[in-house]
Amino acid sequence: MLSYLHVKNIALIDDLEVDFDRGYNVMTGETGAGKSIIIGAMNAVLGNRMDKGFIREGADGALVELLFNGNPEGFSSLCEAFNVEGNDEGELLVSRRIAANGRSVYKVNGQTVNGKTVKEMTARLIDIHSQHEHQSLLRKENHLSLLDKYLGKG
């Protein structure tokens, strides 16, 4: 379970810490409140691409951390499968430090790993569903194939 999020120097966020409760968590708020920035930061630490322009203006780097807990046996086997050191607390700490030049360093429980490893590990831990995520009609890259299907050519 995701229990903690730390975001530093991402877009308009100087330093943010969020503690999540057990169970189902939802982020809501007015347009422009920063929900997309938080989701973008979470996606960045999960191994997704991030533009260096996402780093807060004037900062020399950014940091995003996710702390998972509540599944010591599962984390142990996950760490073992990816050759990552586990910890005695039954927690899994995933972080990404992004330098102003765009270079990133990923860590799992303090051990440096590559982005592919983080992406594969965290895919087993968390799913993020965002507004309009499944609305293919709104994606430009789908427009021609949708038109072809409509015209009976695809």
C-alpha atoms as a PDB file:
ATOM      1  CA  MET A   1       0.000   0.000   0.000  1.00  0.00           C
ATOM      2  CA  LEU A   2       1.218   3.498  -0.811  1.00  0.00           C
ATOM      3  CA  SER A   3       1.596   5.284   2.507  1.00  0.00           C
ATOM      4  CA  TYR A   4       3.696   8.376   1.781  1.00  0.00           C
ATOM      5  CA  LEU A   5       4.592  10.733  -1.063  1.00  0.00           C
ATOM      6  CA  HIS A   6       7.302  13.394  -1.041  1.00  0.00           C
ATOM      7  CA  VAL A   7       7.668  15.863  -3.926  1.00  0.00           C
ATOM      8  CA  LYS A   8      10.391  18.514  -4.009  1.00  0.00           C
ATOM      9  CA  ASN A   9      10.973  21.140  -6.733  1.00  0.00           C
ATOM     10  CA  ILE A  10       8.470  19.888  -9.293  1.00  0.00           C
ATOM     11  CA  ALA A  11       6.623  22.588 -11.306  1.00  0.00           C
ATOM     12  CA  LEU A  12       5.006  24.908  -8.737  1.00  0.00           C
ATOM     13  CA  ILE A  13       5.635  22.558  -5.806  1.00  0.00           C
ATOM     14  CA  ASP A  14       8.466  23.646  -3.524  1.00  0.00           C
ATOM     15  CA  ASP A  15       8.158  20.816  -0.990  1.00  0.00           C
ATOM     16  CA  LEU A  16       5.118  18.611  -0.449  1.00  0.00           C
ATOM     17  CA  GLU A  17       4.535  15.613   1.795  1.00  0.00           C
ATOM     18  CA  VAL A  18       1.361  13.515   1.698  1.00  0.00           C
ATOM     19  CA  ASP A  19       0.473  10.711   4.103  1.00  0.00           C
ATOM     20  CA  PHE A  20      -2.080   8.295   2.651  1.00  0.00           C
ATOM     21  CA  ASP A  21      -4.597   6.432   4.787  1.00  0.00           C
ATOM     22  CA  ARG A  22      -5.200   2.708   4.538  1.00  0.00           C
ATOM     23  CA  GLY A  23      -7.678   1.743   1.857  1.00  0.00           C
ATOM     24  CA  TYR A  24      -9.008   3.785  -1.009  1.00  0.00           C
ATOM     25  CA  ASN A  25      -7.573   7.279  -1.574  1.00  0.00           C
ATOM     26  CA  VAL A  26      -8.880   9.875  -4.024  1.00  0.00           C
ATOM     27  CA  MET A  27      -7.462  13.278  -4.982  1.00  0.00           C
ATOM     28  CA  THR A  28     -10.064  15.868  -5.825  1.00  0.00           C
ATOM     29  CA  GLY A  29     -10.041  19.618  -6.148  1.00  0.00           C
ATOM     30  CA  GLU A  30     -10.731  22.618  -8.312  1.00  0.00           C
ATOM     31  CA  THR A  31      -9.197  23.010 -11.750  1.00  0.00           C
ATOM     32  CA  GLY A  32      -5.678  24.354 -11.338  1.00  0.00           C
ATOM     33  CA  ALA A  33      -5.250  23.037  -7.793  1.00  0.00           C
ATOM     34  CA  GLY A  34      -2.203  20.946  -8.774  1.00  0.00           C
ATOM     35  CA  LYS A  35      -3.635  17.421  -8.950  1.00  0.00           C
ATOM     36  CA  SER A  36      -2.044  16.796 -12.360  1.00  0.00           C
ATOM     37  CA  ILE A  37       1.340  17.960 -11.089  1.00  0.00           C
ATOM     38  CA  ILE A  38       1.158  15.473  -8.218  1.00  0.00           C
ATOM     39  CA  ILE A  39       0.103  12.653 -10.554  1.00  0.00           C
ATOM     40  CA  GLY A  40       2.878  13.651 -12.987  1.00  0.00           C
ATOM     41  CA  ALA A  41       5.418  13.518 -10.166  1.00  0.00           C
ATOM     42  CA  MET A  42       4.154  10.100  -9.104  1.00  0.00           C
ATOM     43  CA  ASN A  43       4.360   8.836 -12.683  1.00  0.00           C
ATOM     44  CA  ALA A  44       7.918  10.186 -12.920  1.00  0.00           C
ATOM     45  CA  VAL A  45       9.109   8.171  -9.928  1.00  0.00           C
ATOM     46  CA  LEU A  46       7.326   5.107 -11.339  1.00  0.00           C
ATOM     47  CA  GLY A  47       9.690   5.132 -14.306  1.00  0.00           C
ATOM     48  CA  ASN A  48       7.756   7.212 -16.819  1.00  0.00           C
ATOM     49  CA  ARG A  49       9.440   9.859 -18.954  1.00  0.00           C
ATOM     50  CA  MET A  50       9.663  13.352 -17.550  1.00  0.00           C
ATOM     51  CA  ASP A  51      10.675  16.521 -19.316  1.00  0.00           C
ATOM     52  CA  LYS A  52      13.404  18.460 -17.492  1.00  0.00           C
ATOM     53  CA  GLY A  53      11.121  21.502 -17.843  1.00  0.00           C
ATOM     54  CA  PHE A  54       9.000  19.869 -15.113  1.00  0.00           C
ATOM     55  CA  ILE A  55      11.674  20.863 -12.574  1.00  0.00           C
ATOM     56  CA  ARG A  56      10.728  23.948 -10.568  1.00  0.00           C
ATOM     57  CA  GLU A  57      12.210  27.113 -12.057  1.00  0.00           C
ATOM     58  CA  GLY A  58      15.435  28.131 -10.317  1.00  0.00           C
ATOM     59  CA  ALA A  59      15.953  24.712  -8.694  1.00  0.00           C
ATOM     60  CA  ASP A  60      19.063  22.663  -9.439  1.00  0.00           C
ATOM     61  CA  GLY A  61      17.108  19.424  -9.280  1.00  0.00           C
ATOM     62  CA  ALA A  62      13.986  17.666  -8.104  1.00  0.00           C
ATOM     63  CA  LEU A  63      13.117  14.694  -5.922  1.00  0.00           C
ATOM     64  CA  VAL A  64      10.103  12.410  -5.766  1.00  0.00           C
ATOM     65  CA  GLU A  65       9.752   9.596  -3.222  1.00  0.00           C
ATOM     66  CA  LEU A  66       7.071   6.963  -2.690  1.00  0.00           C
ATOM     67  CA  LEU A  67       6.920   4.774   0.405  1.00  0.00           C
ATOM     68  CA  PHE A  68       4.985   1.529   0.292  1.00  0.00           C
ATOM     69  CA  ASN A  69       4.256  -0.594   3.362  1.00  0.00           C
ATOM     70  CA  GLY A  70       1.946  -3.284   4.635  1.00  0.00           C
ATOM     71  CA  ASN A  71       3.185  -6.278   2.617  1.00  0.00           C
ATOM     72  CA  PRO A  72       6.552  -7.443   4.027  1.00  0.00           C
ATOM     73  CA  GLU A  73       6.452 -10.899   2.401  1.00  0.00           C
ATOM     74  CA  GLY A  74       5.423  -9.478  -0.974  1.00  0.00           C
ATOM     75  CA  PHE A  75       8.113  -6.769  -0.837  1.00  0.00           C
ATOM     76  CA  SER A  76      10.715  -9.363   0.103  1.00  0.00           C
ATOM     77  CA  SER A  77       9.935 -11.547  -2.893  1.00  0.00           C
ATOM     78  CA  LEU A  78       9.692  -8.503  -5.167  1.00  0.00           C
ATOM     79  CA  CYS A  79      13.106  -7.263  -4.039  1.00  0.00           C
ATOM     80  CA  GLU A  80      14.555 -10.729  -4.445  1.00  0.00           C
ATOM     81  CA  ALA A  81      13.147 -11.026  -7.979  1.00  0.00           C
ATOM     82  CA  PHE A  82      14.831  -7.760  -8.981  1.00  0.00           C
ATOM     83  CA  ASN A  83      18.075  -8.190  -6.997  1.00  0.00           C
ATOM     84  CA  VAL A  84      17.284  -5.282  -4.683  1.00  0.00           C
ATOM     85  CA  GLU A  85      17.989  -5.226  -0.963  1.00  0.00           C
ATOM     86  CA  GLY A  86      14.883  -5.470   1.193  1.00  0.00           C
ATOM     87  CA  ASN A  87      14.602  -3.882   4.605  1.00  0.00           C
ATOM     88  CA  ASP A  88      13.641  -5.077   8.073  1.00  0.00           C
ATOM     89  CA  GLU A  89      10.695  -2.692   8.388  1.00  0.00           C
ATOM     90  CA  GLY A  90       8.709  -4.353   5.598  1.00  0.00           C
ATOM     91  CA  GLU A  91       8.708  -1.141   3.583  1.00  0.00           C
ATOM     92  CA  LEU A  92       9.693  -0.282   0.054  1.00  0.00           C
ATOM     93  CA  LEU A  93      11.051   3.206  -0.663  1.00  0.00           C
ATOM     94  CA  VAL A  94      11.218   4.209  -4.333  1.00  0.00           C
ATOM     95  CA  SER A  95      12.825   7.519  -5.268  1.00  0.00           C
ATOM     96  CA  ARG A  96      13.912   9.476  -8.295  1.00  0.00           C
ATOM     97  CA  ARG A  97      16.280  12.434  -8.194  1.00  0.00           C
ATOM     98  CA  ILE A  98      16.272  14.524 -11.366  1.00  0.00           C
ATOM     99  CA  ALA A  99      19.151  16.937 -12.034  1.00  0.00           C
ATOM    100  CA  ALA A 100      18.583  20.237 -13.821  1.00  0.00           C
ATOM    101  CA  ASN A 101      20.326  18.763 -16.884  1.00  0.00           C
ATOM    102  CA  GLY A 102      17.646  16.050 -17.057  1.00  0.00           C
ATOM    103  CA  ARG A 103      19.720  13.130 -15.723  1.00  0.00           C
ATOM    104  CA  SER A 104      17.908  10.897 -13.255  1.00  0.00           C
ATOM    105  CA  VAL A 105      18.928   8.559 -10.482  1.00  0.00           C
ATOM    106  CA  TYR A 106      16.404   5.956  -9.349  1.00  0.00           C
ATOM    107  CA  LYS A 107      16.702   4.181  -6.028  1.00  0.00           C
ATOM    108  CA  VAL A 108      14.798   1.369  -4.361  1.00  0.00           C
ATOM    109  CA  ASN A 109      15.452   1.074  -0.625  1.00  0.00           C
ATOM    110  CA  GLY A 110      18.533   3.245  -1.121  1.00  0.00           C
ATOM    111  CA  GLN A 111      20.013   1.030  -3.842  1.00  0.00           C
ATOM    112  CA  THR A 112      20.577   2.627  -7.248  1.00  0.00           C
ATOM    113  CA  VAL A 113      18.631   0.891 -10.025  1.00  0.00           C
ATOM    114  CA  ASN A 114      17.689   1.739 -13.599  1.00  0.00           C
ATOM    115  CA  GLY A 115      14.377   3.153 -14.763  1.00  0.00           C
ATOM    116  CA  LYS A 116      13.298  -0.123 -16.358  1.00  0.00           C
ATOM    117  CA  THR A 117      13.689  -1.947 -13.038  1.00  0.00           C
ATOM    118  CA  VAL A 118      11.647   0.690 -11.215  1.00  0.00           C
ATOM    119  CA  LYS A 119       8.944   0.576 -13.879  1.00  0.00           C
ATOM    120  CA  GLU A 120       8.684  -3.213 -13.715  1.00  0.00           C
ATOM    121  CA  MET A 121       8.747  -3.330  -9.906  1.00  0.00           C
ATOM    122  CA  THR A 122       6.204  -0.588  -9.329  1.00  0.00           C
ATOM    123  CA  ALA A 123       3.821  -1.946 -11.972  1.00  0.00           C
ATOM    124  CA  ARG A 124       3.106  -4.642  -9.401  1.00  0.00           C
ATOM    125  CA  LEU A 125       2.460  -2.106  -6.635  1.00  0.00           C
ATOM    126  CA  ILE A 126       0.331   0.746  -7.940  1.00  0.00           C
ATOM    127  CA  ASP A 127      -2.148   1.712 -10.651  1.00  0.00           C
ATOM    128  CA  ILE A 128      -2.843   5.360 -11.422  1.00  0.00           C
ATOM    129  CA  HIS A 129      -6.000   6.227 -13.315  1.00  0.00           C
ATOM    130  CA  SER A 130      -6.386   9.827 -14.400  1.00  0.00           C
ATOM    131  CA  GLN A 131      -9.231  11.826 -15.837  1.00  0.00           C
ATOM    132  CA  HIS A 132      -9.776  11.145 -19.558  1.00  0.00           C
ATOM    133  CA  GLU A 133      -7.127   8.401 -19.495  1.00  0.00           C
ATOM    134  CA  HIS A 134      -9.330   5.956 -21.358  1.00  0.00           C
ATOM    135  CA  GLN A 135     -10.910   8.392 -23.804  1.00  0.00           C
ATOM    136  CA  SER A 136      -9.145   7.482 -27.036  1.00  0.00           C
ATOM    137  CA  LEU A 137     -11.231   9.973 -29.012  1.00  0.00           C
ATOM    138  CA  LEU A 138      -9.295  12.830 -27.392  1.00  0.00           C
ATOM    139  CA  ARG A 139      -5.860  11.518 -28.395  1.00  0.00           C
ATOM    140  CA  LYS A 140      -4.548  13.037 -31.637  1.00  0.00           C
ATOM    141  CA  GLU A 141      -2.552   9.917 -32.485  1.00  0.00           C
ATOM    142  CA  ASN A 142      -5.857   7.987 -32.712  1.00  0.00           C
ATOM    143  CA  HIS A 143      -7.759  10.423 -34.944  1.00  0.00           C
ATOM    144  CA  LEU A 144      -6.797   8.965 -38.338  1.00  0.00           C
ATOM    145  CA  SER A 145      -7.445   5.359 -37.350  1.00  0.00           C
ATOM    146  CA  LEU A 146     -10.807   6.319 -35.814  1.00  0.00           C
ATOM    147  CA  LEU A 147     -11.761   8.175 -39.009  1.00  0.00           C
ATOM    148  CA  ASP A 148     -10.654   5.182 -41.106  1.00  0.00           C
ATOM    149  CA  LYS A 149     -12.807   2.878 -38.965  1.00  0.00           C
ATOM    150  CA  TYR A 150     -15.767   5.234 -39.281  1.00  0.00           C
ATOM    151  CA  LEU A 151     -15.368   5.262 -43.090  1.00  0.00           C
ATOM    152  CA  GLY A 152     -15.064   1.473 -43.143  1.00  0.00           C
ATOM    153  CA  LYS A 153     -11.423   1.473 -44.228  1.00  0.00           C
ATOM    154  CA  GLY A 154      -9.816   0.173 -41.080  1.00  0.00           C
END
